[in-house]
């Protein structure tokens, strides 16, 4: 069975305008998800342990880490960041910049 590197696959698929539009629309969510996962693993915590520190449920942390967390609030992100010994950093930039 042939395996495909995810980065290579995404790079190839981004040549399709429809795929690129959808992928770009979710880029911020995936970036946050990757950062939370990396910080949680660095802290040697499970999703359940992080959820307990945040005061939420394990499925809420799983949704956040999936990049599929709808209506993510800055207050929730602050609680997650605090539990991970970090702070959220929010920036606004022009599209296409």
N, C-alpha and C. Protein backbone atom coordinates (compact mmCIF):
# COMPACT_ATOMS: atom_id res chain seq x y z
N UNK A 1 0.83 -1.17 0.00
CA UNK A 1 0.00 0.00 0.00
C UNK A 1 0.88 1.24 0.00
N UNK A 2 0.62 2.15 -0.91
CA UNK A 2 1.40 3.38 -1.00
C UNK A 2 0.87 4.41 -0.01
N UNK A 3 1.79 5.07 0.70
CA UNK A 3 1.38 6.13 1.62
C UNK A 3 1.67 7.48 0.98
N UNK A 4 0.95 8.49 1.44
CA UNK A 4 1.12 9.84 0.92
C UNK A 4 1.41 10.78 2.07
N UNK A 5 2.39 11.62 1.90
CA UNK A 5 2.71 12.64 2.88
C UNK A 5 1.59 13.68 2.84
N UNK A 6 1.04 14.04 4.01
CA UNK A 6 -0.07 14.98 4.06
C UNK A 6 0.28 16.33 3.44
N UNK A 7 1.46 16.83 3.75
CA UNK A 7 1.86 18.13 3.20
C UNK A 7 1.93 18.09 1.68
N UNK A 8 2.46 17.00 1.13
CA UNK A 8 2.52 16.86 -0.32
C UNK A 8 1.12 16.79 -0.93
N UNK A 9 0.25 16.04 -0.27
CA UNK A 9 -1.13 15.89 -0.74
C UNK A 9 -1.85 17.24 -0.75
N UNK A 10 -1.73 17.97 0.35
CA UNK A 10 -2.41 19.27 0.44
C UNK A 10 -1.85 20.22 -0.61
N UNK A 11 -0.54 20.24 -0.77
CA UNK A 11 0.07 21.12 -1.76
C UNK A 11 -0.47 20.82 -3.16
N UNK A 12 -0.59 19.55 -3.48
CA UNK A 12 -1.12 19.14 -4.79
C UNK A 12 -2.59 19.55 -4.94
N UNK A 13 -3.39 19.27 -3.91
CA UNK A 13 -4.82 19.56 -3.97
C UNK A 13 -5.11 21.06 -3.98
N UNK A 14 -4.24 21.88 -3.41
CA UNK A 14 -4.46 23.32 -3.37
C UNK A 14 -4.41 23.95 -4.75
N UNK A 15 -3.99 23.18 -5.74
CA UNK A 15 -4.02 23.68 -7.13
C UNK A 15 -5.44 23.74 -7.66
N UNK A 16 -6.34 22.97 -7.04
CA UNK A 16 -7.76 23.00 -7.39
C UNK A 16 -8.38 24.21 -6.68
N UNK A 17 -8.93 25.17 -7.44
CA UNK A 17 -9.47 26.39 -6.83
C UNK A 17 -10.53 26.14 -5.76
N UNK A 18 -11.40 25.16 -5.96
CA UNK A 18 -12.43 24.87 -4.96
C UNK A 18 -11.81 24.34 -3.67
N UNK A 19 -10.86 23.43 -3.80
CA UNK A 19 -10.18 22.89 -2.63
C UNK A 19 -9.44 24.01 -1.90
N UNK A 20 -8.73 24.85 -2.65
CA UNK A 20 -7.95 25.94 -2.05
C UNK A 20 -8.85 26.89 -1.28
N UNK A 21 -9.99 27.21 -1.82
CA UNK A 21 -10.93 28.11 -1.14
C UNK A 21 -11.38 27.52 0.19
N UNK A 22 -11.78 26.25 0.17
CA UNK A 22 -12.24 25.59 1.39
C UNK A 22 -11.11 25.42 2.40
N UNK A 23 -9.94 25.03 1.92
CA UNK A 23 -8.79 24.83 2.81
C UNK A 23 -8.40 26.15 3.47
N UNK A 24 -8.31 27.20 2.68
CA UNK A 24 -7.91 28.50 3.22
C UNK A 24 -8.92 29.02 4.24
N UNK A 25 -10.20 28.70 4.04
CA UNK A 25 -11.24 29.14 4.98
C UNK A 25 -11.06 28.50 6.35
N UNK A 26 -10.44 27.34 6.41
CA UNK A 26 -10.27 26.61 7.67
C UNK A 26 -8.86 26.71 8.25
N UNK A 27 -8.00 27.44 7.57
CA UNK A 27 -6.58 27.48 7.98
C UNK A 27 -6.38 27.94 9.42
N UNK A 28 -7.11 28.97 9.86
CA UNK A 28 -6.93 29.47 11.23
C UNK A 28 -7.33 28.40 12.25
N UNK A 29 -8.45 27.70 12.00
CA UNK A 29 -8.89 26.66 12.92
C UNK A 29 -7.85 25.55 13.04
N UNK A 30 -7.30 25.15 11.90
CA UNK A 30 -6.31 24.08 11.93
C UNK A 30 -5.02 24.54 12.62
N UNK A 31 -4.66 25.78 12.46
CA UNK A 31 -3.46 26.30 13.12
C UNK A 31 -3.64 26.27 14.63
N UNK A 32 -4.78 26.74 15.11
CA UNK A 32 -5.06 26.72 16.54
C UNK A 32 -5.06 25.28 17.05
N UNK A 33 -5.70 24.40 16.31
CA UNK A 33 -5.76 22.99 16.72
C UNK A 33 -4.36 22.40 16.85
N UNK A 34 -3.51 22.64 15.87
CA UNK A 34 -2.15 22.11 15.91
C UNK A 34 -1.37 22.66 17.11
N UNK A 35 -1.56 23.94 17.40
CA UNK A 35 -0.85 24.56 18.51
C UNK A 35 -1.32 23.98 19.85
N UNK A 36 -2.62 23.80 20.01
CA UNK A 36 -3.15 23.23 21.26
C UNK A 36 -2.63 21.81 21.45
N UNK A 37 -2.67 21.02 20.39
CA UNK A 37 -2.18 19.63 20.48
C UNK A 37 -0.70 19.62 20.88
N UNK A 38 0.11 20.45 20.23
CA UNK A 38 1.55 20.48 20.52
C UNK A 38 1.80 20.89 21.97
N UNK A 39 1.10 21.91 22.45
CA UNK A 39 1.30 22.35 23.84
C UNK A 39 0.82 21.30 24.83
N UNK A 40 -0.31 20.65 24.53
CA UNK A 40 -0.83 19.62 25.43
C UNK A 40 0.15 18.45 25.52
N UNK A 41 0.66 18.01 24.38
CA UNK A 41 1.61 16.89 24.39
C UNK A 41 2.91 17.27 25.09
N UNK A 42 3.35 18.50 24.88
CA UNK A 42 4.56 18.97 25.55
C UNK A 42 4.38 18.96 27.07
N UNK A 43 3.15 19.22 27.52
CA UNK A 43 2.84 19.22 28.95
C UNK A 43 2.52 17.81 29.47
N UNK A 44 2.61 16.82 28.59
CA UNK A 44 2.32 15.43 28.95
C UNK A 44 0.92 15.27 29.54
N UNK A 45 -0.06 15.92 28.89
CA UNK A 45 -1.44 15.85 29.35
C UNK A 45 -2.30 15.12 28.33
N UNK A 46 -3.30 14.43 28.85
CA UNK A 46 -4.32 13.84 27.98
C UNK A 46 -5.38 14.91 27.73
N UNK A 47 -6.26 14.64 26.77
CA UNK A 47 -7.37 15.56 26.54
C UNK A 47 -8.23 15.68 27.80
N UNK A 48 -8.44 14.58 28.48
CA UNK A 48 -9.25 14.59 29.70
C UNK A 48 -8.61 15.46 30.78
N UNK A 49 -7.30 15.32 30.95
CA UNK A 49 -6.61 16.13 31.96
C UNK A 49 -6.69 17.62 31.63
N UNK A 50 -6.52 17.95 30.35
CA UNK A 50 -6.63 19.35 29.94
C UNK A 50 -8.05 19.85 30.18
N UNK A 51 -9.03 19.05 29.83
CA UNK A 51 -10.43 19.43 30.03
C UNK A 51 -10.70 19.73 31.51
N UNK A 52 -10.19 18.90 32.40
CA UNK A 52 -10.39 19.11 33.83
C UNK A 52 -9.78 20.43 34.28
N UNK A 53 -8.59 20.75 33.77
CA UNK A 53 -7.94 22.02 34.13
C UNK A 53 -8.70 23.22 33.58
N UNK A 54 -9.30 23.05 32.41
CA UNK A 54 -10.03 24.14 31.75
C UNK A 54 -11.42 24.29 32.36
N UNK A 55 -11.96 23.20 32.90
CA UNK A 55 -13.33 23.23 33.41
C UNK A 55 -14.34 22.96 32.33
N UNK A 56 -13.98 22.05 31.42
CA UNK A 56 -14.87 21.69 30.32
C UNK A 56 -14.83 20.17 30.17
N UNK A 57 -15.40 19.68 29.09
CA UNK A 57 -15.44 18.23 28.86
C UNK A 57 -14.33 17.80 27.90
N UNK A 58 -13.99 16.53 27.95
CA UNK A 58 -13.00 15.98 27.02
C UNK A 58 -13.48 16.12 25.58
N UNK A 59 -14.78 15.88 25.26
CA UNK A 59 -15.22 16.08 23.88
C UNK A 59 -15.04 17.52 23.38
N UNK A 60 -15.14 18.50 24.29
CA UNK A 60 -14.92 19.89 23.88
C UNK A 60 -13.47 20.10 23.46
N UNK A 61 -12.54 19.49 24.20
CA UNK A 61 -11.12 19.58 23.83
C UNK A 61 -10.88 18.84 22.52
N UNK A 62 -11.52 17.68 22.34
CA UNK A 62 -11.37 16.92 21.09
C UNK A 62 -11.88 17.75 19.90
N UNK A 63 -13.00 18.45 20.07
CA UNK A 63 -13.51 19.30 18.98
C UNK A 63 -12.52 20.42 18.67
N UNK A 64 -11.98 21.04 19.71
CA UNK A 64 -10.99 22.10 19.51
C UNK A 64 -9.79 21.57 18.75
N UNK A 65 -9.30 20.41 19.14
CA UNK A 65 -8.12 19.83 18.50
C UNK A 65 -8.40 19.30 17.10
N UNK A 66 -9.66 19.09 16.77
CA UNK A 66 -10.00 18.63 15.42
C UNK A 66 -10.06 19.78 14.42
N UNK A 67 -10.07 21.00 14.94
CA UNK A 67 -10.23 22.16 14.06
C UNK A 67 -11.67 22.37 13.69
N UNK A 68 -12.56 21.67 14.36
CA UNK A 68 -13.99 21.70 14.03
C UNK A 68 -14.80 22.31 15.17
N UNK A 69 -14.22 23.28 15.87
CA UNK A 69 -14.90 23.91 17.00
C UNK A 69 -15.59 25.15 16.48
N UNK A 70 -16.91 25.10 16.43
CA UNK A 70 -17.70 26.23 15.93
C UNK A 70 -17.86 27.27 17.03
N UNK A 71 -17.80 28.52 16.64
CA UNK A 71 -18.01 29.64 17.56
C UNK A 71 -17.03 29.63 18.74
N UNK A 72 -15.78 29.42 18.45
CA UNK A 72 -14.74 29.42 19.47
C UNK A 72 -14.64 30.83 20.06
N UNK A 73 -14.78 30.93 21.36
CA UNK A 73 -14.71 32.24 22.00
C UNK A 73 -13.29 32.51 22.50
N UNK A 74 -12.96 33.78 22.56
CA UNK A 74 -11.65 34.17 23.08
C UNK A 74 -11.55 33.80 24.56
N UNK A 75 -12.66 33.87 25.29
CA UNK A 75 -12.65 33.50 26.71
C UNK A 75 -12.27 32.02 26.88
N UNK A 76 -12.85 31.15 26.05
CA UNK A 76 -12.53 29.72 26.12
C UNK A 76 -11.07 29.50 25.74
N UNK A 77 -10.63 30.15 24.69
CA UNK A 77 -9.25 30.02 24.26
C UNK A 77 -8.29 30.49 25.35
N UNK A 78 -8.65 31.54 26.06
CA UNK A 78 -7.82 32.00 27.18
C UNK A 78 -7.72 30.95 28.28
N UNK A 79 -8.84 30.30 28.59
CA UNK A 79 -8.83 29.25 29.62
C UNK A 79 -7.96 28.09 29.21
N UNK A 80 -8.05 27.69 27.95
CA UNK A 80 -7.21 26.60 27.44
C UNK A 80 -5.75 27.00 27.50
N UNK A 81 -5.45 28.20 27.02
CA UNK A 81 -4.07 28.68 27.03
C UNK A 81 -3.51 28.72 28.44
N UNK A 82 -4.28 29.25 29.39
CA UNK A 82 -3.83 29.33 30.78
C UNK A 82 -3.52 27.94 31.33
N UNK A 83 -4.36 26.97 31.01
CA UNK A 83 -4.15 25.60 31.48
C UNK A 83 -2.89 25.00 30.87
N UNK A 84 -2.48 25.52 29.73
CA UNK A 84 -1.28 25.02 29.05
C UNK A 84 -0.06 25.91 29.31
N UNK A 85 -0.19 26.87 30.22
CA UNK A 85 0.93 27.74 30.54
C UNK A 85 1.29 28.68 29.41
N UNK A 86 0.29 29.12 28.67
CA UNK A 86 0.55 30.02 27.55
C UNK A 86 -0.53 31.10 27.51
N UNK A 87 -0.44 31.97 26.52
CA UNK A 87 -1.44 33.02 26.33
C UNK A 87 -1.83 33.04 24.85
N UNK A 88 -3.10 33.33 24.56
CA UNK A 88 -3.49 33.44 23.15
C UNK A 88 -2.94 34.75 22.57
N UNK A 89 -2.66 34.73 21.31
CA UNK A 89 -2.18 35.91 20.60
C UNK A 89 -3.02 36.06 19.35
N UNK A 90 -3.77 37.15 19.27
CA UNK A 90 -4.70 37.35 18.16
C UNK A 90 -4.21 38.49 17.29
N UNK A 91 -4.24 38.28 15.99
CA UNK A 91 -3.81 39.31 15.03
C UNK A 91 -4.84 39.43 13.92
N UNK A 92 -4.95 40.60 13.37
CA UNK A 92 -5.77 40.80 12.18
C UNK A 92 -4.83 41.20 11.05
N UNK A 93 -5.08 40.64 9.89
CA UNK A 93 -4.27 41.00 8.72
C UNK A 93 -5.16 41.04 7.50
N UNK A 94 -4.77 41.79 6.53
CA UNK A 94 -5.52 41.89 5.30
C UNK A 94 -5.50 40.56 4.58
N UNK A 95 -6.58 40.24 3.91
CA UNK A 95 -6.64 39.01 3.13
C UNK A 95 -5.56 39.02 2.06
N UNK A 96 -4.98 37.86 1.86
CA UNK A 96 -3.96 37.73 0.82
C UNK A 96 -2.60 38.25 1.23
N UNK A 97 -2.49 38.75 2.43
CA UNK A 97 -1.20 39.31 2.89
C UNK A 97 -0.30 38.21 3.42
